[in-house]
Amino acid sequence: MNFIPFRRHARHQWIRSFSVGLLALFFLVSNNTSWAQATARKVKNRVEPVYPELAKRNNISGSARVELLVTPDGRVKDVKVLGGNPVLVQAVTAAVVKWKYEPAAEESSVIIKFDFTAP
């Protein structure tokens, strides 16, 4: 009795099942609003970041990305740095903590990117 064809068939069936499961997981995560970036919250009060003097003197340009955790009443609760020059990130952080969003039913996270160009 030869079991090799059975093993090959079982291996292909396992790979197919794993692929379908992975695809289903991706679909669920991409459609879950609590995991995806919240774009529905609108800013009521926005303070623009000030281009830092140190960045001007040293010709520093680039972008800074941060993730904001916004409370249900619209205040910025936490700022998580996602990337960028530390001088520029500091300016962005100082500005976005003053932002105020429209109220919502629950906390949400918003990813913000600012581009700075040397004058």
C-alpha atoms as a PDB file:
ATOM      1  CA  MET A   1       0.000   0.000   0.000  1.00  0.00           C
ATOM      2  CA  ASN A   2       1.395   3.423  -1.011  1.00  0.00           C
ATOM      3  CA  PHE A   3       0.516   6.443   1.209  1.00  0.00           C
ATOM      4  CA  ILE A   4       2.443   9.102  -0.715  1.00  0.00           C
ATOM      5  CA  PRO A   5      -0.531  10.304  -2.832  1.00  0.00           C
ATOM      6  CA  PHE A   6      -2.612  10.634   0.333  1.00  0.00           C
ATOM      7  CA  ARG A   7       0.096  12.736   2.011  1.00  0.00           C
ATOM      8  CA  ARG A   8       0.418  15.002  -1.010  1.00  0.00           C
ATOM      9  CA  HIS A   9      -3.332  15.460  -1.139  1.00  0.00           C
ATOM     10  CA  ALA A  10      -3.483  16.214   2.602  1.00  0.00           C
ATOM     11  CA  ARG A  11      -0.621  18.721   2.283  1.00  0.00           C
ATOM     12  CA  HIS A  12      -2.360  20.544  -0.584  1.00  0.00           C
ATOM     13  CA  GLN A  13      -5.632  20.572   1.329  1.00  0.00           C
ATOM     14  CA  TRP A  14      -3.859  22.013   4.406  1.00  0.00           C
ATOM     15  CA  ILE A  15      -2.192  24.724   2.300  1.00  0.00           C
ATOM     16  CA  ARG A  16      -5.515  25.588   0.652  1.00  0.00           C
ATOM     17  CA  SER A  17      -7.285  25.778   4.026  1.00  0.00           C
ATOM     18  CA  PHE A  18      -4.508  27.930   5.482  1.00  0.00           C
ATOM     19  CA  SER A  19      -4.644  30.282   2.479  1.00  0.00           C
ATOM     20  CA  VAL A  20      -8.415  30.672   2.725  1.00  0.00           C
ATOM     21  CA  GLY A  21      -8.126  31.339   6.470  1.00  0.00           C
ATOM     22  CA  LEU A  22      -5.399  33.922   5.930  1.00  0.00           C
ATOM     23  CA  LEU A  23      -7.457  35.630   3.245  1.00  0.00           C
ATOM     24  CA  ALA A  24     -10.503  35.701   5.532  1.00  0.00           C
ATOM     25  CA  LEU A  25      -8.427  37.184   8.359  1.00  0.00           C
ATOM     26  CA  PHE A  26      -7.088  39.895   6.051  1.00  0.00           C
ATOM     27  CA  PHE A  27     -10.628  40.724   4.921  1.00  0.00           C
ATOM     28  CA  LEU A  28     -11.884  40.992   8.500  1.00  0.00           C
ATOM     29  CA  VAL A  29      -8.990  43.188   9.613  1.00  0.00           C
ATOM     30  CA  SER A  30      -9.239  45.511   6.631  1.00  0.00           C
ATOM     31  CA  ASN A  31     -12.985  46.015   7.173  1.00  0.00           C
ATOM     32  CA  ASN A  32     -12.823  46.412  10.963  1.00  0.00           C
ATOM     33  CA  THR A  33     -13.078  50.133  11.704  1.00  0.00           C
ATOM     34  CA  SER A  34     -11.487  49.826  15.137  1.00  0.00           C
ATOM     35  CA  TRP A  35      -8.279  48.506  13.547  1.00  0.00           C
ATOM     36  CA  ALA A  36      -8.316  50.714  10.484  1.00  0.00           C
ATOM     37  CA  GLN A  37      -7.439  54.379  10.467  1.00  0.00           C
ATOM     38  CA  ALA A  38     -10.357  56.475  11.586  1.00  0.00           C
ATOM     39  CA  THR A  39     -10.980  59.059   8.900  1.00  0.00           C
ATOM     40  CA  ALA A  40     -14.527  59.989   9.883  1.00  0.00           C
ATOM     41  CA  ARG A  41     -13.521  62.252  12.799  1.00  0.00           C
ATOM     42  CA  LYS A  42     -13.285  65.857  11.746  1.00  0.00           C
ATOM     43  CA  VAL A  43     -11.030  68.452  13.335  1.00  0.00           C
ATOM     44  CA  LYS A  44     -12.905  71.324  14.993  1.00  0.00           C
ATOM     45  CA  ASN A  45      -9.838  73.255  16.184  1.00  0.00           C
ATOM     46  CA  ARG A  46      -6.558  72.790  14.305  1.00  0.00           C
ATOM     47  CA  VAL A  47      -3.222  74.359  15.267  1.00  0.00           C
ATOM     48  CA  GLU A  48      -0.593  74.251  12.515  1.00  0.00           C
ATOM     49  CA  PRO A  49       2.911  73.167  13.547  1.00  0.00           C
ATOM     50  CA  VAL A  50       5.527  75.913  13.548  1.00  0.00           C
ATOM     51  CA  TYR A  51       8.612  75.250  11.423  1.00  0.00           C
ATOM     52  CA  PRO A  52      11.378  75.108  14.064  1.00  0.00           C
ATOM     53  CA  GLU A  53      14.211  77.679  14.003  1.00  0.00           C
ATOM     54  CA  LEU A  54      16.743  74.876  14.417  1.00  0.00           C
ATOM     55  CA  ALA A  55      15.352  73.199  11.293  1.00  0.00           C
ATOM     56  CA  LYS A  56      15.529  76.484   9.371  1.00  0.00           C
ATOM     57  CA  ARG A  57      19.152  77.107  10.380  1.00  0.00           C
ATOM     58  CA  ASN A  58      20.215  73.583   9.464  1.00  0.00           C
ATOM     59  CA  ASN A  59      18.115  73.320   6.296  1.00  0.00           C
ATOM     60  CA  ILE A  60      16.181  70.348   7.694  1.00  0.00           C
ATOM     61  CA  SER A  61      13.182  69.315   5.662  1.00  0.00           C
ATOM     62  CA  GLY A  62      11.107  66.167   5.481  1.00  0.00           C
ATOM     63  CA  SER A  63       7.994  64.719   6.964  1.00  0.00           C
ATOM     64  CA  ALA A  64       6.839  63.727  10.420  1.00  0.00           C
ATOM     65  CA  ARG A  65       4.170  61.103  11.084  1.00  0.00           C
ATOM     66  CA  VAL A  66       2.262  60.692  14.320  1.00  0.00           C
ATOM     67  CA  GLU A  67      -0.702  58.650  15.489  1.00  0.00           C
ATOM     68  CA  LEU A  68      -3.226  60.395  17.701  1.00  0.00           C
ATOM     69  CA  LEU A  69      -5.492  58.720  20.215  1.00  0.00           C
ATOM     70  CA  VAL A  70      -8.624  60.871  20.399  1.00  0.00           C
ATOM     71  CA  THR A  71     -11.061  60.630  23.318  1.00  0.00           C
ATOM     72  CA  PRO A  72     -14.827  60.424  22.749  1.00  0.00           C
ATOM     73  CA  ASP A  73     -15.183  64.108  23.670  1.00  0.00           C
ATOM     74  CA  GLY A  74     -12.624  65.074  20.977  1.00  0.00           C
ATOM     75  CA  ARG A  75      -9.464  65.770  22.987  1.00  0.00           C
ATOM     76  CA  VAL A  76      -6.099  64.338  21.927  1.00  0.00           C
ATOM     77  CA  LYS A  77      -5.223  61.858  24.666  1.00  0.00           C
ATOM     78  CA  ASP A  78      -1.932  60.466  23.357  1.00  0.00           C
ATOM     79  CA  VAL A  79       0.529  61.067  20.536  1.00  0.00           C
ATOM     80  CA  LYS A  80       2.630  58.188  19.231  1.00  0.00           C
ATOM     81  CA  VAL A  81       5.570  59.025  16.964  1.00  0.00           C
ATOM     82  CA  LEU A  82       5.611  56.930  13.785  1.00  0.00           C
ATOM     83  CA  GLY A  83       8.606  58.534  12.082  1.00  0.00           C
ATOM     84  CA  GLY A  84      10.472  61.625  11.027  1.00  0.00           C
ATOM     85  CA  ASN A  85      13.278  63.910  12.099  1.00  0.00           C
ATOM     86  CA  PRO A  86      13.115  64.448  15.885  1.00  0.00           C
ATOM     87  CA  VAL A  87      13.172  68.244  15.484  1.00  0.00           C
ATOM     88  CA  LEU A  88      10.182  68.137  13.141  1.00  0.00           C
ATOM     89  CA  VAL A  89       8.358  65.518  15.223  1.00  0.00           C
ATOM     90  CA  GLN A  90       8.674  67.741  18.287  1.00  0.00           C
ATOM     91  CA  ALA A  91       7.010  70.623  16.416  1.00  0.00           C
ATOM     92  CA  VAL A  92       4.188  68.382  15.197  1.00  0.00           C
ATOM     93  CA  THR A  93       3.614  66.911  18.663  1.00  0.00           C
ATOM     94  CA  ALA A  94       3.449  70.372  20.225  1.00  0.00           C
ATOM     95  CA  ALA A  95       0.781  71.390  17.695  1.00  0.00           C
ATOM     96  CA  VAL A  96      -1.460  68.311  17.587  1.00  0.00           C
ATOM     97  CA  VAL A  97      -1.932  68.076  21.361  1.00  0.00           C
ATOM     98  CA  LYS A  98      -3.882  71.346  21.029  1.00  0.00           C
ATOM     99  CA  TRP A  99      -6.244  69.934  18.388  1.00  0.00           C
ATOM    100  CA  LYS A 100      -9.896  69.338  19.155  1.00  0.00           C
ATOM    101  CA  TYR A 101     -12.034  66.833  17.239  1.00  0.00           C
ATOM    102  CA  GLU A 102     -15.777  66.444  16.920  1.00  0.00           C
ATOM    103  CA  PRO A 103     -17.321  64.153  19.576  1.00  0.00           C
ATOM    104  CA  ALA A 104     -17.771  60.456  18.797  1.00  0.00           C
ATOM    105  CA  ALA A 105     -19.113  57.356  20.517  1.00  0.00           C
ATOM    106  CA  GLU A 106     -15.681  55.903  21.343  1.00  0.00           C
ATOM    107  CA  GLU A 107     -11.959  56.573  21.263  1.00  0.00           C
ATOM    108  CA  SER A 108     -10.371  56.541  17.850  1.00  0.00           C
ATOM    109  CA  SER A 109      -6.918  56.767  16.374  1.00  0.00           C
ATOM    110  CA  VAL A 110      -5.901  59.072  13.556  1.00  0.00           C
ATOM    111  CA  ILE A 111      -2.613  59.048  11.641  1.00  0.00           C
ATOM    112  CA  ILE A 112      -1.304  62.483  10.696  1.00  0.00           C
ATOM    113  CA  LYS A 113       1.567  63.314   8.335  1.00  0.00           C
ATOM    114  CA  PHE A 114       3.105  66.776   8.001  1.00  0.00           C
ATOM    115  CA  ASP A 115       5.569  67.724   5.287  1.00  0.00           C
ATOM    116  CA  PHE A 116       8.118  70.403   6.068  1.00  0.00           C
ATOM    117  CA  THR A 117      10.121  72.131   3.345  1.00  0.00           C
ATOM    118  CA  ALA A 118      13.052  74.429   4.011  1.00  0.00           C
ATOM    119  CA  PRO A 119      12.180  78.056   3.154  1.00  0.00           C
END
